Each structure stands twice: as structure tokens, then as C-alpha cells.
Amino acid sequence: MSTEQIGLWAGFVFTLMIFSYVLGDNFLYRIAVYVFVGLTAGFITVVTVESLLLPWVNGTLLAANTDIGTRAVGLVPFILGALLLLKASPRLGRLGNIAIAFIIGVGTAVALVGAITGTLLPLIATTSSGVRVDVVNGFLIFLGVSSTLIYFWYLGRRTPIGEVRRGLAARVVGVVGQGFIVITLGAIYAGAILTSLTIFSERISFILARITGG
């Protein structure tokens, strides 16, 4: 039996083990998940070392004719990593908060810029273009976007008895937005199920065809 056939049989067995989750959480499913998680962790580690750490070290710390500033920048990720490791110490754990604050700050800034330039602005442009092209579809798009945003609007007024409630108009529009969210999530869930079944059937057909030589 060749290496390719062994891989095909292993893929077939692991596919069935993953699919056995349909019958409930069982021992075979857990073994397959553990194997996949271990392989994924090992693969990510190798890719990170070869594609990120080594080029970074060679380009900053070990590069020829490099000034002190570049070498200092090259040490920053390793210093932050060492500070994160200190979180395991009860006494020095507070020093790890410096690295966490830096990571959260940079991540928040990147996510904010990405949300504005990659989601919000294109959504506004698409909505406005849809209104100009087709009045009915444009109105539905505008209604869905605006009502969904108002549904996640948490501002309100405090009543005399101490409860915080939104206005009647905001609540009505929020209910419409909730309906759009339910329809969207239902369509996404249905599409995910159909996609999963299609991938599974094609995978089984491919493995059986290769094993049988068809």
C-alpha cells in the first residue's frame, strides 16, 4: 500500500469519525478532534517560526549594517512575549499587563480602522447605490440596515420608577431590525448546512473513487 493510499484511508476514517458527532458526542469524535487540533497547532507553529520569527530576526537583529534603532525594534516582540510569560507568576504577573495593554491597544486600533474602511464605508456606499438603482430594493436595503443599527442602539431614558426604556419609535424600528437579523441568520445557517452536506458528499465520493481506483 502506497503512502497516498494510506493518506486516503486515514482521511476516510477521520471523516467518518468527525461525522459520527451526528450521533452525539462520542470517543471517536474526540480522538479525531484532538488529532486535528494537534496537527493544526504543530502546523501553525512551524509556519510561524519559518515565515514570521526567522525572517523578523534575520531582518532586524541579525541583519548586517543595521543601526541600534532597528535592533531595538527587533527586540520588542520578544520583550512583550517575555512579559506575557510573567503572567504565570503571582508576584510578577502585573508586568504582563503591559504587554496585554499594548496588544489590546494595537488590536483595537486595527479593528476600528478595518471596521470603518472595510465594513462601514462600503456598506454606506452599497446602500446609497442600491437606493439610486432600484427604489424598492433600495428601500428594503435602507430599512434593513437602519433598523438593524437601531436595534443595537442601547440609549434610552430612565422612567420615574427607575427603569431605562427606549422611545416607542426606537422600539418599533428595533423589532423590525430584529426580524431582519433573524431572517439573515436563518439564511446563513441554512447555507452552512447545505455547504457542509455538499462538502461531505463530495469528500466521501472523492475518497471512495481514489481508494477503488475509479
C-alpha atoms as a PDB file:
ATOM      1  CA  MET A   1       0.000   0.000   0.000  1.00  0.00           C
ATOM      2  CA  SER A   2       1.431   3.349  -1.061  1.00  0.00           C
ATOM      3  CA  THR A   3       1.705   6.459   1.080  1.00  0.00           C
ATOM      4  CA  GLU A   4      -1.060   8.123  -0.924  1.00  0.00           C
ATOM      5  CA  GLN A   5      -3.451   5.248  -0.262  1.00  0.00           C
ATOM      6  CA  ILE A   6      -2.634   5.318   3.451  1.00  0.00           C
ATOM      7  CA  GLY A   7      -3.426   9.031   3.495  1.00  0.00           C
ATOM      8  CA  LEU A   8      -6.701   8.424   1.679  1.00  0.00           C
ATOM      9  CA  TRP A   9      -7.746   5.687   4.097  1.00  0.00           C
ATOM     10  CA  ALA A  10      -6.777   7.894   7.063  1.00  0.00           C
ATOM     11  CA  GLY A  11      -8.795  10.772   5.618  1.00  0.00           C
ATOM     12  CA  PHE A  12     -11.773   8.479   5.072  1.00  0.00           C
ATOM     13  CA  VAL A  13     -11.618   7.151   8.641  1.00  0.00           C
ATOM     14  CA  PHE A  14     -11.223  10.597  10.198  1.00  0.00           C
ATOM     15  CA  THR A  15     -14.069  11.943   8.076  1.00  0.00           C
ATOM     16  CA  LEU A  16     -16.369   9.237   9.420  1.00  0.00           C
ATOM     17  CA  MET A  17     -15.123   9.866  12.956  1.00  0.00           C
ATOM     18  CA  ILE A  18     -15.957  13.579  12.662  1.00  0.00           C
ATOM     19  CA  PHE A  19     -19.317  12.798  11.083  1.00  0.00           C
ATOM     20  CA  SER A  20     -20.125  10.474  13.995  1.00  0.00           C
ATOM     21  CA  TYR A  21     -20.882  13.601  16.013  1.00  0.00           C
ATOM     22  CA  VAL A  22     -24.317  13.419  14.411  1.00  0.00           C
ATOM     23  CA  LEU A  23     -24.979  10.525  16.816  1.00  0.00           C
ATOM     24  CA  GLY A  24     -23.772  12.593  19.761  1.00  0.00           C
ATOM     25  CA  ASP A  25     -20.519  13.419  21.484  1.00  0.00           C
ATOM     26  CA  ASN A  26     -18.501  10.197  21.482  1.00  0.00           C
ATOM     27  CA  PHE A  27     -14.989   8.825  21.906  1.00  0.00           C
ATOM     28  CA  LEU A  28     -14.201   8.582  18.183  1.00  0.00           C
ATOM     29  CA  TYR A  29     -15.198  12.192  17.564  1.00  0.00           C
ATOM     30  CA  ARG A  30     -12.996  13.388  20.421  1.00  0.00           C
ATOM     31  CA  ILE A  31      -9.986  11.455  19.124  1.00  0.00           C
ATOM     32  CA  ALA A  32     -10.407  12.990  15.668  1.00  0.00           C
ATOM     33  CA  VAL A  33     -10.753  16.494  17.143  1.00  0.00           C
ATOM     34  CA  TYR A  34      -7.656  16.021  19.305  1.00  0.00           C
ATOM     35  CA  VAL A  35      -5.650  14.844  16.306  1.00  0.00           C
ATOM     36  CA  PHE A  36      -6.791  17.744  14.150  1.00  0.00           C
ATOM     37  CA  VAL A  37      -6.127  20.278  16.915  1.00  0.00           C
ATOM     38  CA  GLY A  38      -2.650  18.851  17.481  1.00  0.00           C
ATOM     39  CA  LEU A  39      -1.823  18.862  13.781  1.00  0.00           C
ATOM     40  CA  THR A  40      -3.155  22.401  13.413  1.00  0.00           C
ATOM     41  CA  ALA A  41      -1.133  23.628  16.387  1.00  0.00           C
ATOM     42  CA  GLY A  42       2.026  21.995  15.041  1.00  0.00           C
ATOM     43  CA  PHE A  43       1.448  23.370  11.552  1.00  0.00           C
ATOM     44  CA  ILE A  44       0.804  26.901  12.860  1.00  0.00           C
ATOM     45  CA  THR A  45       3.949  26.700  15.000  1.00  0.00           C
ATOM     46  CA  VAL A  46       6.119  25.652  12.063  1.00  0.00           C
ATOM     47  CA  VAL A  47       4.635  28.296   9.760  1.00  0.00           C
ATOM     48  CA  THR A  48       5.020  30.990  12.431  1.00  0.00           C
ATOM     49  CA  VAL A  49       8.661  30.138  13.059  1.00  0.00           C
ATOM     50  CA  GLU A  50       9.642  29.813   9.408  1.00  0.00           C
ATOM     51  CA  SER A  51       7.509  32.613   7.927  1.00  0.00           C
ATOM     52  CA  LEU A  52       7.467  35.143  10.786  1.00  0.00           C
ATOM     53  CA  LEU A  53      10.053  34.715  13.534  1.00  0.00           C
ATOM     54  CA  LEU A  54      13.089  33.748  11.461  1.00  0.00           C
ATOM     55  CA  PRO A  55      12.568  36.474   8.804  1.00  0.00           C
ATOM     56  CA  TRP A  56      11.979  39.022  11.586  1.00  0.00           C
ATOM     57  CA  VAL A  57      15.166  38.032  13.420  1.00  0.00           C
ATOM     58  CA  ASN A  58      17.210  37.917  10.225  1.00  0.00           C
ATOM     59  CA  GLY A  59      15.846  41.272   9.089  1.00  0.00           C
ATOM     60  CA  THR A  60      16.322  43.142  12.389  1.00  0.00           C
ATOM     61  CA  LEU A  61      18.605  41.515  14.950  1.00  0.00           C
ATOM     62  CA  LEU A  62      20.962  39.561  12.673  1.00  0.00           C
ATOM     63  CA  ALA A  63      20.921  41.837   9.651  1.00  0.00           C
ATOM     64  CA  ALA A  64      24.258  43.265   8.545  1.00  0.00           C
ATOM     65  CA  ASN A  65      24.881  47.018   8.764  1.00  0.00           C
ATOM     66  CA  THR A  66      21.838  47.552  10.986  1.00  0.00           C
ATOM     67  CA  ASP A  67      21.605  50.531  13.327  1.00  0.00           C
ATOM     68  CA  ILE A  68      20.750  50.320  17.013  1.00  0.00           C
ATOM     69  CA  GLY A  69      17.191  51.555  16.476  1.00  0.00           C
ATOM     70  CA  THR A  70      16.333  48.680  14.149  1.00  0.00           C
ATOM     71  CA  ARG A  71      17.816  46.155  16.553  1.00  0.00           C
ATOM     72  CA  ALA A  72      15.824  47.693  19.413  1.00  0.00           C
ATOM     73  CA  VAL A  73      12.618  47.377  17.371  1.00  0.00           C
ATOM     74  CA  GLY A  74      13.518  43.759  16.694  1.00  0.00           C
ATOM     75  CA  LEU A  75      13.616  43.067  20.420  1.00  0.00           C
ATOM     76  CA  VAL A  76      10.132  44.473  21.089  1.00  0.00           C
ATOM     77  CA  PRO A  77       8.131  41.291  20.218  1.00  0.00           C
ATOM     78  CA  PHE A  78      10.408  39.137  22.360  1.00  0.00           C
ATOM     79  CA  ILE A  79      10.169  41.553  25.286  1.00  0.00           C
ATOM     80  CA  LEU A  80       6.368  41.541  25.036  1.00  0.00           C
ATOM     81  CA  GLY A  81       6.389  37.736  24.837  1.00  0.00           C
ATOM     82  CA  ALA A  82       8.561  37.530  27.962  1.00  0.00           C
ATOM     83  CA  LEU A  83       6.184  39.885  29.780  1.00  0.00           C
ATOM     84  CA  LEU A  84       3.243  37.673  28.822  1.00  0.00           C
ATOM     85  CA  LEU A  85       5.036  34.648  30.251  1.00  0.00           C
ATOM     86  CA  LEU A  86       5.312  36.514  33.554  1.00  0.00           C
ATOM     87  CA  LYS A  87       1.510  36.328  33.870  1.00  0.00           C
ATOM     88  CA  ALA A  88       2.038  32.816  35.209  1.00  0.00           C
ATOM     89  CA  SER A  89       3.856  34.247  38.234  1.00  0.00           C
ATOM     90  CA  PRO A  90       1.718  35.516  41.129  1.00  0.00           C
ATOM     91  CA  ARG A  91       4.302  38.182  42.019  1.00  0.00           C
ATOM     92  CA  LEU A  92       5.402  39.362  38.572  1.00  0.00           C
ATOM     93  CA  GLY A  93       2.068  38.865  36.835  1.00  0.00           C
ATOM     94  CA  ARG A  94       1.326  42.582  36.808  1.00  0.00           C
ATOM     95  CA  LEU A  95       4.221  43.185  34.424  1.00  0.00           C
ATOM     96  CA  GLY A  96       2.377  41.093  31.872  1.00  0.00           C
ATOM     97  CA  ASN A  97      -0.396  43.684  31.837  1.00  0.00           C
ATOM     98  CA  ILE A  98       1.945  45.984  29.914  1.00  0.00           C
ATOM     99  CA  ALA A  99       2.084  43.529  27.019  1.00  0.00           C
ATOM    100  CA  ILE A 100      -1.651  42.871  27.195  1.00  0.00           C
ATOM    101  CA  ALA A 101      -2.399  46.611  27.145  1.00  0.00           C
ATOM    102  CA  PHE A 102      -0.127  47.053  24.124  1.00  0.00           C
ATOM    103  CA  ILE A 103      -1.734  44.140  22.261  1.00  0.00           C
ATOM    104  CA  ILE A 104      -5.272  45.278  23.063  1.00  0.00           C
ATOM    105  CA  GLY A 105      -4.489  48.859  22.043  1.00  0.00           C
ATOM    106  CA  VAL A 106      -2.963  47.874  18.725  1.00  0.00           C
ATOM    107  CA  GLY A 107      -5.693  45.305  18.062  1.00  0.00           C
ATOM    108  CA  THR A 108      -8.439  47.805  18.855  1.00  0.00           C
ATOM    109  CA  ALA A 109      -6.935  50.409  16.548  1.00  0.00           C
ATOM    110  CA  VAL A 110      -6.557  47.910  13.698  1.00  0.00           C
ATOM    111  CA  ALA A 111     -10.086  46.566  14.211  1.00  0.00           C
ATOM    112  CA  LEU A 112     -11.540  50.089  14.324  1.00  0.00           C
ATOM    113  CA  VAL A 113      -9.816  51.155  11.114  1.00  0.00           C
ATOM    114  CA  GLY A 114     -10.790  47.878   9.442  1.00  0.00           C
ATOM    115  CA  ALA A 115     -14.414  48.196  10.551  1.00  0.00           C
ATOM    116  CA  ILE A 116     -14.672  51.754   9.232  1.00  0.00           C
ATOM    117  CA  THR A 117     -12.824  51.320   5.935  1.00  0.00           C
ATOM    118  CA  GLY A 118     -13.742  47.709   5.259  1.00  0.00           C
ATOM    119  CA  THR A 119     -17.316  47.456   6.546  1.00  0.00           C
ATOM    120  CA  LEU A 120     -18.999  50.738   7.402  1.00  0.00           C
ATOM    121  CA  LEU A 121     -17.954  52.844   4.408  1.00  0.00           C
ATOM    122  CA  PRO A 122     -18.601  50.067   1.822  1.00  0.00           C
ATOM    123  CA  LEU A 123     -21.969  49.387   3.495  1.00  0.00           C
ATOM    124  CA  ILE A 124     -22.924  53.050   3.208  1.00  0.00           C
ATOM    125  CA  ALA A 125     -21.783  53.154  -0.428  1.00  0.00           C
ATOM    126  CA  THR A 126     -23.678  49.957  -1.293  1.00  0.00           C
ATOM    127  CA  THR A 127     -26.832  51.175   0.427  1.00  0.00           C
ATOM    128  CA  SER A 128     -26.754  54.538  -1.307  1.00  0.00           C
ATOM    129  CA  SER A 129     -26.070  52.967  -4.716  1.00  0.00           C
ATOM    130  CA  GLY A 130     -28.914  50.484  -4.198  1.00  0.00           C
ATOM    131  CA  VAL A 131     -31.329  53.315  -3.449  1.00  0.00           C
ATOM    132  CA  ARG A 132     -30.348  55.091  -6.647  1.00  0.00           C
ATOM    133  CA  VAL A 133     -30.584  51.976  -8.870  1.00  0.00           C
ATOM    134  CA  ASP A 134     -33.833  50.393  -7.681  1.00  0.00           C
ATOM    135  CA  VAL A 135     -36.270  52.209  -5.422  1.00  0.00           C
ATOM    136  CA  VAL A 136     -37.930  49.085  -3.945  1.00  0.00           C
ATOM    137  CA  ASN A 137     -34.744  47.098  -3.328  1.00  0.00           C
ATOM    138  CA  GLY A 138     -33.005  50.251  -2.195  1.00  0.00           C
ATOM    139  CA  PHE A 139     -35.760  50.932   0.322  1.00  0.00           C
ATOM    140  CA  LEU A 140     -35.526  47.372   1.674  1.00  0.00           C
ATOM    141  CA  ILE A 141     -31.752  47.640   1.984  1.00  0.00           C
ATOM    142  CA  PHE A 142     -32.025  51.004   3.716  1.00  0.00           C
ATOM    143  CA  LEU A 143     -34.752  49.720   6.037  1.00  0.00           C
ATOM    144  CA  GLY A 144     -32.800  46.598   6.924  1.00  0.00           C
ATOM    145  CA  VAL A 145     -29.533  48.438   7.593  1.00  0.00           C
ATOM    146  CA  SER A 146     -31.058  51.311   9.563  1.00  0.00           C
ATOM    147  CA  SER A 147     -33.425  49.162  11.619  1.00  0.00           C
ATOM    148  CA  THR A 148     -30.658  46.696  12.446  1.00  0.00           C
ATOM    149  CA  LEU A 149     -28.381  49.502  13.616  1.00  0.00           C
ATOM    150  CA  ILE A 150     -31.195  50.966  15.735  1.00  0.00           C
ATOM    151  CA  TYR A 151     -31.816  47.508  17.243  1.00  0.00           C
ATOM    152  CA  PHE A 152     -28.268  47.627  18.659  1.00  0.00           C
ATOM    153  CA  TRP A 153     -28.726  51.191  19.891  1.00  0.00           C
ATOM    154  CA  TYR A 154     -28.774  50.933  23.673  1.00  0.00           C
ATOM    155  CA  LEU A 155     -29.533  54.551  24.593  1.00  0.00           C
ATOM    156  CA  GLY A 156     -32.722  55.204  26.491  1.00  0.00           C
ATOM    157  CA  ARG A 157     -34.421  57.301  29.131  1.00  0.00           C
ATOM    158  CA  ARG A 158     -34.879  56.497  32.776  1.00  0.00           C
ATOM    159  CA  THR A 159     -38.509  56.273  33.839  1.00  0.00           C
ATOM    160  CA  PRO A 160     -39.783  57.635  37.177  1.00  0.00           C
ATOM    161  CA  ILE A 161     -39.722  54.117  38.629  1.00  0.00           C
ATOM    162  CA  GLY A 162     -36.045  53.693  37.734  1.00  0.00           C
ATOM    163  CA  GLU A 163     -36.321  51.582  34.587  1.00  0.00           C
ATOM    164  CA  VAL A 164     -34.364  52.502  31.461  1.00  0.00           C
ATOM    165  CA  ARG A 165     -36.526  52.297  28.348  1.00  0.00           C
ATOM    166  CA  ARG A 166     -36.141  53.436  24.781  1.00  0.00           C
ATOM    167  CA  GLY A 167     -38.687  55.515  22.966  1.00  0.00           C
ATOM    168  CA  LEU A 168     -41.643  53.954  21.193  1.00  0.00           C
ATOM    169  CA  ALA A 169     -40.282  54.711  17.713  1.00  0.00           C
ATOM    170  CA  ALA A 170     -36.887  53.184  18.529  1.00  0.00           C
ATOM    171  CA  ARG A 171     -38.545  50.059  19.926  1.00  0.00           C
ATOM    172  CA  VAL A 172     -40.772  49.604  16.878  1.00  0.00           C
ATOM    173  CA  VAL A 173     -37.900  50.056  14.438  1.00  0.00           C
ATOM    174  CA  GLY A 174     -35.757  47.774  16.619  1.00  0.00           C
ATOM    175  CA  VAL A 175     -38.340  44.997  16.291  1.00  0.00           C
ATOM    176  CA  VAL A 176     -38.146  45.349  12.502  1.00  0.00           C
ATOM    177  CA  GLY A 177     -34.371  45.171  12.703  1.00  0.00           C
ATOM    178  CA  GLN A 178     -34.624  42.069  14.874  1.00  0.00           C
ATOM    179  CA  GLY A 179     -36.770  40.471  12.161  1.00  0.00           C
ATOM    180  CA  PHE A 180     -34.108  41.233   9.541  1.00  0.00           C
ATOM    181  CA  ILE A 181     -31.454  39.712  11.816  1.00  0.00           C
ATOM    182  CA  VAL A 182     -33.493  36.525  12.313  1.00  0.00           C
ATOM    183  CA  ILE A 183     -34.044  36.125   8.563  1.00  0.00           C
ATOM    184  CA  THR A 184     -30.359  36.735   7.836  1.00  0.00           C
ATOM    185  CA  LEU A 185     -29.139  34.281  10.461  1.00  0.00           C
ATOM    186  CA  GLY A 186     -31.631  31.674   9.234  1.00  0.00           C
ATOM    187  CA  ALA A 187     -30.410  32.047   5.661  1.00  0.00           C
ATOM    188  CA  ILE A 188     -26.770  31.835   6.783  1.00  0.00           C
ATOM    189  CA  TYR A 189     -27.477  28.733   8.885  1.00  0.00           C
ATOM    190  CA  ALA A 190     -29.311  27.039   6.034  1.00  0.00           C
ATOM    191  CA  GLY A 191     -26.487  27.871   3.653  1.00  0.00           C
ATOM    192  CA  ALA A 192     -23.932  26.491   6.121  1.00  0.00           C
ATOM    193  CA  ILE A 193     -25.846  23.203   6.410  1.00  0.00           C
ATOM    194  CA  LEU A 194     -26.164  22.819   2.636  1.00  0.00           C
ATOM    195  CA  THR A 195     -22.499  23.669   2.157  1.00  0.00           C
ATOM    196  CA  SER A 196     -21.425  21.163   4.811  1.00  0.00           C
ATOM    197  CA  LEU A 197     -23.519  18.375   3.299  1.00  0.00           C
ATOM    198  CA  THR A 198     -22.180  19.167  -0.179  1.00  0.00           C
ATOM    199  CA  ILE A 199     -18.570  19.151   1.012  1.00  0.00           C
ATOM    200  CA  PHE A 200     -19.111  15.917   2.929  1.00  0.00           C
ATOM    201  CA  SER A 201     -20.701  14.090  -0.004  1.00  0.00           C
ATOM    202  CA  GLU A 202     -18.027  15.297  -2.423  1.00  0.00           C
ATOM    203  CA  ARG A 203     -15.277  14.322   0.013  1.00  0.00           C
ATOM    204  CA  ILE A 204     -16.667  10.823   0.514  1.00  0.00           C
ATOM    205  CA  SER A 205     -17.105  10.379  -3.241  1.00  0.00           C
ATOM    206  CA  PHE A 206     -13.542  11.559  -3.890  1.00  0.00           C
ATOM    207  CA  ILE A 207     -12.006   9.256  -1.255  1.00  0.00           C
ATOM    208  CA  LEU A 208     -14.008   6.211  -2.393  1.00  0.00           C
ATOM    209  CA  ALA A 209     -13.126   6.886  -6.025  1.00  0.00           C
ATOM    210  CA  ARG A 210      -9.423   7.145  -5.235  1.00  0.00           C
ATOM    211  CA  ILE A 211      -9.414   4.071  -2.999  1.00  0.00           C
ATOM    212  CA  THR A 212     -11.253   1.901  -5.522  1.00  0.00           C
ATOM    213  CA  GLY A 213      -9.226   3.305  -8.386  1.00  0.00           C
ATOM    214  CA  GLY A 214     -12.296   4.736 -10.127  1.00  0.00           C
END
